[in-house]
Amino acid sequence: MPKLGLNIDKYLRTQVLPTVWCPGCGNGNIVEGLATAFSRMEVDPTRVVVVGGIGCSGRTPFYVQTNAMHTTHGRALAYATGLKMAQPDLTVVVTAGDGDALAIGGNHFIHAARRNIDLTVLLYNNGIYGMTGGQRGPTTPFGSRTTTSLAGNIERTFDTVEIAMAAGATYVARTTTFDMQEIPLRIQEAMAHPGFAVVEILTQCPTYYGSLNQLGDASDMLIWQRDLTDGVPVKMLNREELLGPLRTGVFRNEKVTEFTQAYSDLCSQVGGNYGHN
């Protein structure tokens, strides 16, 4: 919860609350964390754009009092890249689900990371396609039941942190909706980072994932999330160590030349003569 006296209403469209999300969904916790981060940083909402795709997470831009873009499935990062290239001074936050970002949008994700473009990606990971009926997704844990894997998921699971780091993201963190004090902290760090920043947030879906896997109600799923992660602060790990319980915290935070700045420098270098003899 935000600390006493911290006003986050300035950053919320309170007139459209409550949200459309199912009771017990963790996405509301993430929106609270995002608004808390905005409030702590005292950002100018007219200079912030929140970009969402399709899926449960894609509703986020409707609830925050900033500029908003509601885009197509898997293409939120493509729109955000164009927006940032056109107006590099804007703060651009992308809210995407695990299916939106790592399935249909997977190629956009790895190339935005490779370019190190200054975007903050909040990746809502509930391990399932929630809005469209509870189908198996790229982060569905092995053996889990979904509406398209009733006998258990036999596909190997994507690890968001490993993908982001391998693709070149320069800030990578993971937290959960159980860790409510940590969510705004990680979002603040990501927004302040001058490059491609990814915050994976494990969030519960009691409607589909929880019910299909006998995990109980939303509060039970929060305890499940707590136990799914080991709570050990992140350090440099070898691959064998990474195969244990999921780690949370900041996995990478390094400064590398940001894409829009590199592009601006290149334009200045070649002037108006590029392509001419």
Protein backbone atom coordinates (compact mmCIF):
# COMPACT_ATOMS: atom_id res chain seq x y z
CA MET A 1 0.00 0.00 0.00
CA PRO A 2 1.17 3.57 -0.58
CA LYS A 3 2.46 5.29 2.54
CA LEU A 4 0.00 7.42 4.49
CA GLY A 5 -0.44 10.84 2.95
CA LEU A 6 0.77 9.91 -0.53
CA ASN A 7 -1.87 11.10 -2.98
CA ILE A 8 -2.03 8.87 -6.05
CA ASP A 9 -5.48 10.04 -7.22
CA LYS A 10 -3.76 12.66 -9.38
CA TYR A 11 -2.43 9.82 -11.50
CA LEU A 12 -5.62 7.74 -11.66
CA ARG A 13 -8.79 8.15 -13.71
CA THR A 14 -10.92 7.66 -10.63
CA GLN A 15 -14.10 8.35 -12.58
CA VAL A 16 -13.78 5.02 -14.43
CA LEU A 17 -13.02 2.91 -11.37
CA PRO A 18 -13.60 0.13 -10.39
CA THR A 19 -11.65 -1.74 -13.03
CA VAL A 20 -12.98 -4.40 -15.38
CA TRP A 21 -10.59 -6.98 -13.97
CA CYS A 22 -11.88 -10.02 -12.12
CA PRO A 23 -12.08 -9.89 -8.32
CA GLY A 24 -8.72 -10.94 -6.94
CA CYS A 25 -6.75 -10.19 -10.13
CA GLY A 26 -3.32 -8.76 -9.34
CA ASN A 27 -3.40 -6.21 -12.16
CA GLY A 28 -5.04 -3.62 -9.93
CA ASN A 29 -2.09 -3.93 -7.55
CA ILE A 30 0.26 -3.18 -10.42
CA VAL A 31 -1.72 -0.08 -11.41
CA GLU A 32 -1.54 1.11 -7.80
CA GLY A 33 2.21 0.52 -7.86
CA LEU A 34 2.53 2.45 -11.13
CA ALA A 35 0.52 5.42 -9.79
CA THR A 36 2.59 5.33 -6.59
CA ALA A 37 5.81 5.46 -8.61
CA PHE A 38 4.46 8.41 -10.62
CA SER A 39 3.54 10.21 -7.40
CA ARG A 40 6.89 9.60 -5.71
CA MET A 41 8.74 10.82 -8.81
CA GLU A 42 6.33 13.76 -9.20
CA VAL A 43 6.17 13.15 -12.93
CA ASP A 44 4.32 15.55 -15.20
CA PRO A 45 1.43 13.42 -16.50
CA THR A 46 1.30 15.45 -19.71
CA ARG A 47 4.83 14.20 -20.54
CA VAL A 48 4.08 10.53 -19.89
CA VAL A 49 2.50 8.05 -22.30
CA VAL A 50 1.29 4.63 -21.14
CA VAL A 51 1.00 2.20 -24.05
CA GLY A 52 -1.06 -0.98 -23.77
CA GLY A 53 -1.79 -3.83 -26.14
CA ILE A 54 -4.59 -6.39 -26.10
CA GLY A 55 -5.32 -8.62 -23.14
CA CYS A 56 -5.96 -7.99 -19.46
CA SER A 57 -2.84 -5.83 -19.04
CA GLY A 58 -3.82 -3.78 -22.08
CA ARG A 59 -6.57 -2.09 -20.07
CA THR A 60 -4.01 -0.31 -17.86
CA PRO A 61 -3.81 2.91 -19.94
CA PHE A 62 -7.55 3.44 -19.32
CA TYR A 63 -6.96 3.82 -15.57
CA VAL A 64 -3.90 6.08 -15.34
CA GLN A 65 -4.18 9.86 -15.71
CA THR A 66 -1.56 10.28 -18.43
CA ASN A 67 -1.50 10.21 -22.20
CA ALA A 68 -2.53 6.78 -23.40
CA MET A 69 -2.27 4.52 -26.44
CA HIS A 70 -4.40 1.40 -26.80
CA THR A 71 -2.77 -0.64 -29.55
CA THR A 72 -3.07 -3.99 -31.29
CA HIS A 73 -2.15 -7.41 -29.94
CA GLY A 74 1.59 -7.92 -29.63
CA ARG A 75 2.41 -4.53 -31.17
CA ALA A 76 2.55 -2.27 -28.10
CA LEU A 77 6.34 -2.10 -28.31
CA ALA A 78 6.23 -1.26 -32.01
CA TYR A 79 3.91 1.68 -31.35
CA ALA A 80 5.97 2.72 -28.34
CA THR A 81 9.19 2.61 -30.37
CA GLY A 82 7.71 4.90 -33.03
CA LEU A 83 6.41 7.26 -30.36
CA LYS A 84 9.76 7.44 -28.59
CA MET A 85 11.62 7.99 -31.84
CA ALA A 86 9.27 10.84 -32.77
CA GLN A 87 9.41 12.48 -29.33
CA PRO A 88 12.44 11.24 -27.34
CA ASP A 89 11.72 13.62 -24.45
CA LEU A 90 8.54 11.74 -23.52
CA THR A 91 8.50 9.12 -20.78
CA VAL A 92 6.99 6.00 -22.35
CA VAL A 93 5.73 3.10 -20.24
CA VAL A 94 4.54 -0.10 -21.94
CA THR A 95 2.15 -2.45 -20.13
CA ALA A 96 2.05 -5.90 -21.70
CA GLY A 97 1.02 -9.38 -20.68
CA ASP A 98 3.26 -12.41 -21.00
CA GLY A 99 1.31 -13.55 -24.07
CA ASP A 100 1.23 -10.08 -25.60
CA ALA A 101 4.97 -9.48 -25.11
CA LEU A 102 6.52 -12.93 -25.48
CA ALA A 103 4.25 -14.74 -27.95
CA ILE A 104 2.84 -12.65 -30.81
CA GLY A 105 4.95 -9.69 -29.69
CA GLY A 106 8.12 -11.65 -28.96
CA ASN A 107 10.05 -10.34 -31.95
CA HIS A 108 9.25 -6.73 -31.04
CA PHE A 109 10.37 -7.43 -27.47
CA ILE A 110 13.80 -8.81 -28.33
CA HIS A 111 14.57 -6.13 -30.91
CA ALA A 112 13.49 -3.25 -28.65
CA ALA A 113 15.83 -4.74 -26.05
CA ARG A 114 18.60 -5.15 -28.63
CA ARG A 115 18.32 -1.49 -29.62
CA ASN A 116 18.28 -0.38 -25.96
CA ILE A 117 15.57 2.16 -26.72
CA ASP A 118 14.51 4.15 -23.65
CA LEU A 119 11.23 2.41 -22.80
CA THR A 120 9.94 1.02 -19.51
CA VAL A 121 8.18 -2.31 -19.96
CA LEU A 122 5.95 -3.63 -17.20
CA LEU A 123 5.43 -7.27 -18.11
CA TYR A 124 2.38 -8.67 -16.31
CA ASN A 125 3.03 -12.41 -16.02
CA ASN A 126 0.03 -14.47 -14.92
CA GLY A 127 1.20 -17.53 -16.85
CA ILE A 128 -1.93 -17.71 -18.98
CA TYR A 129 -4.07 -15.93 -21.60
CA GLY A 130 -6.63 -14.52 -19.19
CA MET A 131 -8.90 -12.29 -21.26
CA THR A 132 -9.51 -14.73 -24.12
CA GLY A 133 -10.41 -17.83 -22.15
CA GLY A 134 -7.50 -19.18 -20.14
CA GLN A 135 -5.36 -20.71 -22.86
CA ARG A 136 -1.77 -21.88 -22.43
CA GLY A 137 0.84 -19.17 -23.00
CA PRO A 138 4.62 -18.96 -23.36
CA THR A 139 5.17 -18.57 -19.61
CA THR A 140 2.67 -21.21 -18.48
CA PRO A 141 4.58 -23.38 -15.99
CA PHE A 142 5.38 -26.90 -17.13
CA GLY A 143 2.68 -29.34 -16.07
CA SER A 144 0.06 -26.65 -15.37
CA ARG A 145 -3.52 -27.01 -16.53
CA THR A 146 -5.11 -24.43 -18.82
CA THR A 147 -8.21 -24.54 -21.02
CA THR A 148 -5.98 -25.74 -23.89
CA SER A 149 -3.82 -28.08 -21.80
CA LEU A 150 -6.27 -29.83 -19.52
CA ALA A 151 -3.92 -32.80 -19.14
CA GLY A 152 -1.03 -30.49 -18.23
CA ASN A 153 1.29 -28.23 -20.19
CA ILE A 154 4.09 -30.18 -21.90
CA GLU A 155 5.79 -27.13 -23.46
CA ARG A 156 8.94 -25.69 -21.90
CA THR A 157 8.48 -22.31 -20.24
CA PHE A 158 10.00 -19.01 -21.30
CA ASP A 159 12.00 -17.22 -18.59
CA THR A 160 11.36 -13.50 -19.07
CA VAL A 161 14.50 -12.43 -17.25
CA GLU A 162 16.76 -14.71 -19.28
CA ILE A 163 15.21 -13.56 -22.57
CA ALA A 164 15.46 -9.87 -21.67
CA MET A 165 19.08 -10.16 -20.59
CA ALA A 166 20.10 -12.23 -23.60
CA ALA A 167 18.42 -9.73 -25.95
CA GLY A 168 20.32 -6.81 -24.42
CA ALA A 169 17.93 -5.06 -22.01
CA THR A 170 20.02 -2.86 -19.73
CA TYR A 171 17.69 -2.90 -16.70
CA VAL A 172 16.00 -6.17 -15.78
CA ALA A 173 14.05 -6.90 -12.61
CA ARG A 174 11.43 -9.30 -11.34
CA THR A 175 8.93 -8.89 -8.52
CA THR A 176 5.46 -10.16 -7.59
CA THR A 177 2.11 -8.73 -6.54
CA PHE A 178 2.82 -10.27 -3.13
CA ASP A 179 5.70 -7.78 -2.81
CA MET A 180 3.57 -4.63 -2.87
CA GLN A 181 6.29 -2.44 -1.33
CA GLU A 182 8.72 -3.49 -4.04
CA ILE A 183 6.54 -2.90 -7.13
CA PRO A 184 6.71 0.95 -7.13
CA LEU A 185 10.41 0.83 -6.23
CA ARG A 186 11.24 -1.32 -9.26
CA ILE A 187 9.05 0.83 -11.52
CA GLN A 188 10.82 3.98 -10.28
CA GLU A 189 14.22 2.44 -10.98
CA ALA A 190 13.11 1.33 -14.43
CA MET A 191 11.68 4.73 -15.36
CA ALA A 192 14.82 6.51 -14.18
CA HIS A 193 17.02 4.15 -16.19
CA PRO A 194 18.28 5.62 -19.51
CA GLY A 195 17.66 2.59 -21.70
CA PHE A 196 15.42 -0.42 -22.24
CA ALA A 197 14.06 -1.44 -18.85
CA VAL A 198 11.98 -4.53 -18.09
CA VAL A 199 10.13 -5.21 -14.85
CA GLU A 200 8.49 -8.62 -14.85
CA ILE A 201 5.67 -8.72 -12.28
CA LEU A 202 4.26 -12.12 -11.40
CA THR A 203 0.53 -11.56 -10.92
CA GLN A 204 -2.26 -13.93 -9.97
CA CYS A 205 -5.18 -15.02 -12.19
CA PRO A 206 -7.61 -16.76 -9.81
CA THR A 207 -10.36 -16.98 -12.45
CA TYR A 208 -8.51 -19.33 -14.82
CA TYR A 209 -5.06 -20.33 -13.64
CA GLY A 210 -5.93 -20.58 -9.97
CA SER A 211 -9.18 -22.49 -10.46
CA LEU A 212 -7.75 -24.90 -13.04
CA ASN A 213 -4.75 -25.72 -10.85
CA GLN A 214 -6.51 -25.91 -7.45
CA LEU A 215 -4.52 -22.98 -6.07
CA GLY A 216 -7.40 -21.48 -4.11
CA ASP A 217 -8.60 -17.89 -4.09
CA ALA A 218 -6.58 -14.73 -4.72
CA SER A 219 -5.13 -14.59 -1.20
CA ASP A 220 -4.04 -18.22 -1.47
CA MET A 221 -2.39 -17.44 -4.80
CA LEU A 222 -0.42 -14.58 -3.24
CA ILE A 223 1.02 -17.05 -0.74
CA TRP A 224 1.75 -19.38 -3.67
CA GLN A 225 3.62 -16.55 -5.37
CA ARG A 226 5.61 -15.90 -2.21
CA ASP A 227 6.61 -19.56 -2.04
CA LEU A 228 7.31 -19.72 -5.79
CA THR A 229 10.13 -17.22 -5.34
CA ASP A 230 12.98 -17.72 -2.90
CA GLY A 231 13.31 -14.19 -1.53
CA VAL A 232 17.10 -14.30 -1.83
CA PRO A 233 18.62 -11.01 -3.10
CA VAL A 234 19.91 -11.36 -6.63
CA LYS A 235 23.62 -11.94 -7.14
CA MET A 236 25.60 -13.16 -10.12
CA LEU A 237 24.36 -16.71 -10.69
CA ASN A 238 25.45 -19.55 -12.91
CA ARG A 239 22.89 -21.41 -14.99
CA GLU A 240 22.64 -24.30 -12.53
CA GLU A 241 21.74 -21.91 -9.72
CA LEU A 242 19.08 -20.28 -11.91
CA LEU A 243 17.27 -23.60 -12.25
CA GLY A 244 16.11 -23.46 -8.63
CA PRO A 245 13.26 -21.31 -7.24
CA LEU A 246 12.61 -18.08 -9.14
CA ARG A 247 14.76 -15.18 -8.04
CA THR A 248 13.41 -11.67 -7.54
CA GLY A 249 15.18 -8.34 -7.49
CA VAL A 250 17.33 -6.47 -9.99
CA PHE A 251 19.26 -8.71 -12.37
CA ARG A 252 20.95 -6.02 -14.47
CA ASN A 253 21.36 -2.27 -14.25
CA GLU A 254 24.00 -0.90 -16.60
CA LYS A 255 24.38 2.20 -18.72
CA VAL A 256 24.78 1.68 -22.46
CA THR A 257 24.25 4.22 -25.24
CA GLU A 258 20.49 4.70 -25.65
CA PHE A 259 19.02 4.30 -29.14
CA THR A 260 17.28 7.64 -29.66
CA GLN A 261 20.41 9.46 -28.49
CA ALA A 262 22.57 7.37 -30.82
CA TYR A 263 20.18 8.13 -33.68
CA SER A 264 20.27 11.86 -32.93
CA ASP A 265 24.08 11.79 -32.80
CA LEU A 266 24.18 9.96 -36.13
CA CYS A 267 21.86 12.52 -37.74
CA SER A 268 24.07 15.34 -36.48
CA GLN A 269 27.17 13.57 -37.75
CA VAL A 270 25.93 13.02 -41.30
CA GLY A 271 23.95 16.27 -41.46
CA GLY A 272 21.75 16.69 -44.49
CA ASN A 273 24.16 15.00 -46.87
CA TYR A 274 23.42 11.37 -46.10
CA GLY A 275 22.91 9.48 -49.33
CA HIS A 276 24.33 12.28 -51.53
CA ASN A 277 27.71 12.44 -53.29
